[in-house]
């Protein structure tokens, strides 16, 4: 009798634990997907402005880095984007309270951001400043 009660309690604990683990995992995937969309939106905004004379764009914790990017859609994301002389994005750093993304290279494409090539990591203290040039 005592064994069956203990086994029943253990099964209930395991079931509840699995439920919460699945729920937390689903929430993380949703927020990661939302963050990827935010990064993509910054990319599109920079590409639309890339004919301007500015060679970098940034907004860190809601404060503009003296750039004229018309991206005001979501203040929950901080970003810094640097362009080369041909207006290719050679640096793109972004973070929010849960995730961060960094890119340093010859030129990122929209496809790089819309697939799993864009490796998004959990934010464990990743921060930017406007001097990340």
Protein backbone atom coordinates (compact mmCIF):
# COMPACT_ATOMS: atom_id res chain seq x y z
CA UNK A 1 0.00 0.00 0.00
CA UNK A 2 2.75 2.47 0.98
CA UNK A 3 4.72 1.54 -2.14
CA UNK A 4 1.78 2.26 -4.42
CA UNK A 5 1.20 5.66 -2.77
CA UNK A 6 4.88 6.57 -3.14
CA UNK A 7 4.91 5.42 -6.77
CA UNK A 8 1.74 7.43 -7.49
CA UNK A 9 3.25 10.55 -5.91
CA UNK A 10 6.47 10.10 -7.90
CA UNK A 11 4.52 9.68 -11.14
CA UNK A 12 2.55 12.85 -10.43
CA UNK A 13 5.77 14.77 -9.71
CA UNK A 14 7.34 13.50 -12.95
CA UNK A 15 4.24 14.38 -14.98
CA UNK A 16 4.08 17.90 -13.54
CA UNK A 17 7.82 18.39 -14.12
CA UNK A 18 7.54 17.29 -17.75
CA UNK A 19 4.59 19.61 -18.30
CA UNK A 20 6.48 22.65 -16.99
CA UNK A 21 9.66 21.70 -18.87
CA UNK A 22 7.72 21.48 -22.14
CA UNK A 23 5.97 24.79 -21.42
CA UNK A 24 9.26 26.61 -20.66
CA UNK A 25 10.86 25.09 -23.75
CA UNK A 26 7.97 26.28 -25.97
CA UNK A 27 8.17 29.78 -24.49
CA UNK A 28 11.92 29.92 -25.19
CA UNK A 29 11.45 28.84 -28.81
CA UNK A 30 8.76 31.47 -29.31
CA UNK A 31 10.86 34.27 -27.83
CA UNK A 32 13.89 33.13 -29.86
CA UNK A 33 11.82 33.23 -33.04
CA UNK A 34 10.55 36.71 -32.14
CA UNK A 35 14.14 37.87 -31.57
CA UNK A 36 15.19 36.48 -34.97
CA UNK A 37 12.34 38.49 -36.55
CA UNK A 38 13.51 41.64 -34.74
CA UNK A 39 17.07 41.18 -36.03
CA UNK A 40 15.72 40.67 -39.54
CA UNK A 41 13.68 43.88 -39.21
CA UNK A 42 16.81 45.82 -38.23
CA UNK A 43 18.62 44.29 -41.22
CA UNK A 44 15.84 45.39 -43.61
CA UNK A 45 15.76 48.90 -42.13
CA UNK A 46 19.55 49.24 -42.59
CA UNK A 47 19.36 47.94 -46.15
CA UNK A 48 16.62 50.47 -46.94
CA UNK A 49 18.83 53.27 -45.56
CA UNK A 50 22.13 51.99 -46.95
CA UNK A 51 22.39 54.67 -49.63
CA UNK A 52 22.84 57.28 -46.91
CA UNK A 53 26.26 58.53 -45.89
CA UNK A 54 26.09 56.81 -42.50
CA UNK A 55 28.42 53.86 -42.04
CA UNK A 56 26.97 52.62 -38.79
CA UNK A 57 23.62 52.44 -37.05
CA UNK A 58 22.93 51.74 -33.44
CA UNK A 59 20.40 51.91 -30.68
CA UNK A 60 21.58 50.70 -27.30
CA UNK A 61 19.04 50.34 -24.50
CA UNK A 62 16.68 52.74 -26.29
CA UNK A 63 19.29 55.45 -26.97
CA UNK A 64 20.39 56.24 -30.52
CA UNK A 65 24.10 56.11 -31.32
CA UNK A 66 24.02 59.29 -33.44
CA UNK A 67 22.68 57.36 -36.39
CA UNK A 68 19.68 58.19 -38.52
CA UNK A 69 18.10 54.76 -38.93
CA UNK A 70 14.33 54.84 -39.18
CA UNK A 71 13.84 51.72 -37.07
CA UNK A 72 11.72 52.49 -34.05
CA UNK A 73 9.49 49.43 -34.08
CA UNK A 74 10.76 47.69 -30.99
CA UNK A 75 12.68 49.33 -28.19
CA UNK A 76 13.28 45.94 -26.55
CA UNK A 77 16.16 45.18 -28.88
CA UNK A 78 19.55 46.86 -28.80
CA UNK A 79 21.68 46.73 -31.93
CA UNK A 80 24.83 48.00 -33.60
CA UNK A 81 25.33 47.66 -37.36
CA UNK A 82 28.45 48.67 -39.31
CA UNK A 83 28.69 48.94 -43.10
CA UNK A 84 31.68 48.89 -45.43
CA UNK A 85 32.28 51.38 -48.26
CA UNK A 86 29.95 49.37 -50.53
CA UNK A 87 27.12 49.45 -47.97
CA UNK A 88 27.52 45.77 -47.12
CA UNK A 89 26.76 44.93 -43.51
CA UNK A 90 30.04 43.74 -42.04
CA UNK A 91 29.03 43.82 -38.36
CA UNK A 92 25.66 43.22 -36.80
CA UNK A 93 25.31 42.85 -33.04
CA UNK A 94 21.94 42.64 -31.32
CA UNK A 95 20.60 41.67 -27.94
CA UNK A 96 17.60 41.82 -25.67
CA UNK A 97 17.05 40.57 -22.14
CA UNK A 98 17.03 36.88 -23.22
CA UNK A 99 19.06 36.51 -26.44
CA UNK A 100 22.02 37.90 -28.34
CA UNK A 101 23.40 37.63 -31.86
CA UNK A 102 26.74 38.67 -33.34
CA UNK A 103 27.97 38.77 -36.91
CA UNK A 104 31.41 39.81 -38.17
CA UNK A 105 32.10 39.09 -41.81
CA UNK A 106 32.20 40.21 -45.42
CA UNK A 107 28.50 40.84 -45.84
CA UNK A 108 25.45 39.30 -44.26
CA UNK A 109 22.43 38.42 -46.37
CA UNK A 110 18.75 38.19 -45.55
CA UNK A 111 19.00 34.43 -46.02
CA UNK A 112 21.68 34.27 -43.32
CA UNK A 113 19.24 35.77 -40.84
CA UNK A 114 16.13 33.89 -41.85
CA UNK A 115 17.66 30.43 -41.38
CA UNK A 116 19.51 28.61 -38.66
CA UNK A 117 22.75 30.14 -39.98
CA UNK A 118 21.93 32.96 -37.58
CA UNK A 119 23.08 31.39 -34.33
CA UNK A 120 21.20 33.04 -31.50
CA UNK A 121 22.48 32.44 -28.01
CA UNK A 122 21.10 32.95 -24.52
CA UNK A 123 22.05 36.31 -23.13
CA UNK A 124 24.24 35.92 -20.08
CA UNK A 125 25.38 39.52 -19.75
CA UNK A 126 26.05 40.41 -23.39
CA UNK A 127 26.05 44.20 -23.69
CA UNK A 128 26.95 46.75 -26.33
CA UNK A 129 27.99 50.35 -26.35
CA UNK A 130 27.85 52.92 -29.10
CA UNK A 131 31.65 52.69 -29.35
CA UNK A 132 31.65 49.17 -30.78
CA UNK A 133 33.08 50.50 -34.01
